[in-house]
Amino acid sequence: MAIHLGLTVALALVGGIVYAADGVSNPEVRARVELMQGYKAQMKLLSDAASGAQPFAVDKVAAAITALQAGAEGLAPAFRAKADDPASQALPEIWAAPSEFRQKTAKLVKTAAALDGSEAGALAGTLAPVQAACKDCHGRFKLQ
């Protein structure tokens, strides 16, 4: 649990935002929600930098990539124990199909490891597979 909370804090702080998992009372689920919210903030920063919606800042991009890579490594362990909360968007299929979930998170780890933050074009090209991995997992394991 301490590792998950550390990743949550790292992800949130890199983006300069501290999140609250409103409505979530289970502390383990809260940590997962905060991990995912931090991950979402880093994806937005990278997407904006890659598309030109925000100026490309190498230091911010590098920090976001590092946070995403750490977050990707922490996803499968964060969902290892079955914990639920009425406010959670995680579907029970995560625990019914753990090997499929681990396979999808492994794909995310692989694509996040390949991120290239050297310039906007390189980032855009390497961010697309990360976005696809997120969408694939959410389509199967997240309440829509």
Protein backbone atom coordinates (compact mmCIF):
# COMPACT_ATOMS: atom_id res chain seq x y z
CA MET A 1 0.00 0.00 0.00
CA ALA A 2 2.87 2.40 0.79
CA ILE A 3 4.30 1.91 -2.71
CA HIS A 4 0.93 2.71 -4.26
CA LEU A 5 0.55 5.83 -2.16
CA GLY A 6 4.09 6.91 -3.05
CA LEU A 7 3.31 6.54 -6.75
CA THR A 8 0.09 8.46 -6.25
CA VAL A 9 1.91 11.33 -4.62
CA ALA A 10 4.65 11.29 -7.28
CA LEU A 11 2.14 11.34 -10.12
CA ALA A 12 0.09 14.11 -8.56
CA LEU A 13 3.04 16.29 -7.64
CA VAL A 14 4.74 16.09 -11.03
CA GLY A 15 1.61 17.61 -12.54
CA GLY A 16 1.37 20.17 -9.76
CA ILE A 17 -2.06 18.90 -8.79
CA VAL A 18 -3.18 17.08 -5.66
CA TYR A 19 -6.26 14.96 -6.18
CA ALA A 20 -8.98 13.83 -3.83
CA ALA A 21 -10.92 10.70 -4.58
CA ASP A 22 -14.28 12.20 -3.69
CA GLY A 23 -16.85 9.74 -2.51
CA VAL A 24 -14.43 6.82 -2.09
CA SER A 25 -14.27 5.55 1.47
CA ASN A 26 -12.20 2.38 1.03
CA PRO A 27 -8.54 3.49 1.45
CA GLU A 28 -7.18 0.90 -0.98
CA VAL A 29 -9.67 1.92 -3.66
CA ARG A 30 -8.95 5.58 -2.90
CA ALA A 31 -5.24 4.97 -3.55
CA ARG A 32 -6.06 3.32 -6.89
CA VAL A 33 -8.38 6.15 -7.92
CA GLU A 34 -5.73 8.72 -7.04
CA LEU A 35 -3.11 6.73 -8.97
CA MET A 36 -5.34 6.74 -12.04
CA GLN A 37 -6.18 10.44 -11.67
CA GLY A 38 -2.49 11.26 -11.48
CA TYR A 39 -1.86 9.12 -14.53
CA LYS A 40 -4.64 10.96 -16.38
CA ALA A 41 -3.06 14.34 -15.54
CA GLN A 42 0.30 13.22 -16.94
CA MET A 43 -1.35 11.89 -20.09
CA LYS A 44 -3.06 15.26 -20.59
CA LEU A 45 0.23 17.12 -20.14
CA LEU A 46 1.95 14.85 -22.68
CA SER A 47 -0.94 14.97 -25.12
CA ASP A 48 -1.04 18.77 -24.98
CA ALA A 49 2.74 18.97 -25.47
CA ALA A 50 2.66 16.51 -28.37
CA SER A 51 -0.22 18.26 -30.15
CA GLY A 52 1.07 21.79 -29.65
CA ALA A 53 -1.88 22.76 -27.43
CA GLN A 54 0.76 23.74 -24.87
CA PRO A 55 4.37 24.75 -25.43
CA PHE A 56 6.77 21.79 -25.46
CA ALA A 57 8.81 21.97 -22.24
CA VAL A 58 11.42 19.20 -22.20
CA ASP A 59 11.72 19.20 -18.40
CA LYS A 60 7.95 18.89 -17.84
CA VAL A 61 7.66 16.24 -20.53
CA ALA A 62 10.53 14.24 -19.03
CA ALA A 63 9.00 14.42 -15.55
CA ALA A 64 5.60 13.35 -16.89
CA ILE A 65 7.16 10.42 -18.77
CA THR A 66 8.97 9.31 -15.61
CA ALA A 67 5.73 9.53 -13.63
CA LEU A 68 3.81 7.60 -16.31
CA GLN A 69 6.41 4.87 -16.37
CA ALA A 70 6.32 4.54 -12.58
CA GLY A 71 2.53 4.60 -12.63
CA ALA A 72 2.35 1.94 -15.32
CA GLU A 73 4.59 -0.32 -13.24
CA GLY A 74 2.28 0.23 -10.26
CA LEU A 75 -1.05 -0.53 -11.93
CA ALA A 76 -1.11 -4.32 -11.79
CA PRO A 77 0.07 -4.42 -8.14
CA ALA A 78 -2.50 -1.76 -7.20
CA PHE A 79 -5.30 -4.07 -8.36
CA ARG A 80 -3.84 -7.30 -6.97
CA ALA A 81 -6.06 -7.32 -3.88
CA LYS A 82 -9.79 -7.31 -4.53
CA ALA A 83 -11.13 -4.15 -2.93
CA ASP A 84 -14.36 -2.45 -3.85
CA ASP A 85 -16.18 0.76 -3.14
CA PRO A 86 -19.54 1.99 -4.47
CA ALA A 87 -17.76 4.98 -6.04
CA SER A 88 -15.17 2.83 -7.85
CA GLN A 89 -15.26 2.58 -11.64
CA ALA A 90 -13.30 -0.68 -11.68
CA LEU A 91 -15.35 -3.57 -12.99
CA PRO A 92 -15.30 -6.95 -11.20
CA GLU A 93 -13.80 -8.45 -14.36
CA ILE A 94 -10.40 -7.22 -13.16
CA TRP A 95 -10.47 -9.94 -10.52
CA ALA A 96 -12.37 -12.47 -12.64
CA ALA A 97 -9.79 -12.25 -15.47
CA PRO A 98 -6.52 -11.38 -13.69
CA SER A 99 -4.23 -12.77 -16.39
CA GLU A 100 -5.95 -10.66 -19.05
CA PHE A 101 -5.67 -7.59 -16.81
CA ARG A 102 -1.96 -8.27 -16.20
CA GLN A 103 -1.45 -8.72 -19.95
CA LYS A 104 -3.05 -5.35 -20.66
CA THR A 105 -1.05 -3.59 -17.94
CA ALA A 106 2.14 -5.22 -19.26
CA LYS A 107 1.36 -3.70 -22.67
CA LEU A 108 0.99 -0.32 -21.00
CA VAL A 109 4.34 -0.75 -19.23
CA LYS A 110 5.99 -1.63 -22.56
CA THR A 111 4.49 1.30 -24.45
CA ALA A 112 5.22 3.77 -21.64
CA ALA A 113 8.85 2.59 -21.58
CA ALA A 114 9.13 3.52 -25.28
CA LEU A 115 8.00 7.15 -24.83
CA ASP A 116 10.34 9.61 -26.53
CA GLY A 117 10.20 13.11 -25.08
CA SER A 118 12.95 14.61 -27.21
CA GLU A 119 10.55 16.75 -29.27
CA ALA A 120 6.82 17.06 -30.01
CA GLY A 121 6.77 14.85 -33.11
CA ALA A 122 8.63 12.01 -31.43
CA LEU A 123 6.38 12.28 -28.40
CA ALA A 124 3.23 12.20 -30.54
CA GLY A 125 4.41 9.06 -32.32
CA THR A 126 5.27 7.23 -29.13
CA LEU A 127 2.28 8.50 -27.14
CA ALA A 128 -0.31 6.99 -29.50
CA PRO A 129 0.45 3.38 -28.44
CA VAL A 130 0.22 4.41 -24.76
CA GLN A 131 -3.18 5.98 -25.39
CA ALA A 132 -4.30 2.83 -27.22
CA ALA A 133 -3.17 0.64 -24.31
CA CYS A 134 -5.13 2.82 -21.87
CA LYS A 135 -8.24 2.69 -24.05
CA ASP A 136 -7.96 -1.08 -24.47
CA CYS A 137 -7.81 -1.70 -20.74
CA HIS A 138 -10.50 0.83 -19.86
CA GLY A 139 -12.80 -0.64 -22.49
CA ARG A 140 -12.63 -4.00 -20.76
CA PHE A 141 -12.16 -3.18 -17.08
CA LYS A 142 -13.61 0.27 -16.37
CA LEU A 143 -17.23 1.27 -15.90
CA GLN A 144 -18.04 3.52 -18.84
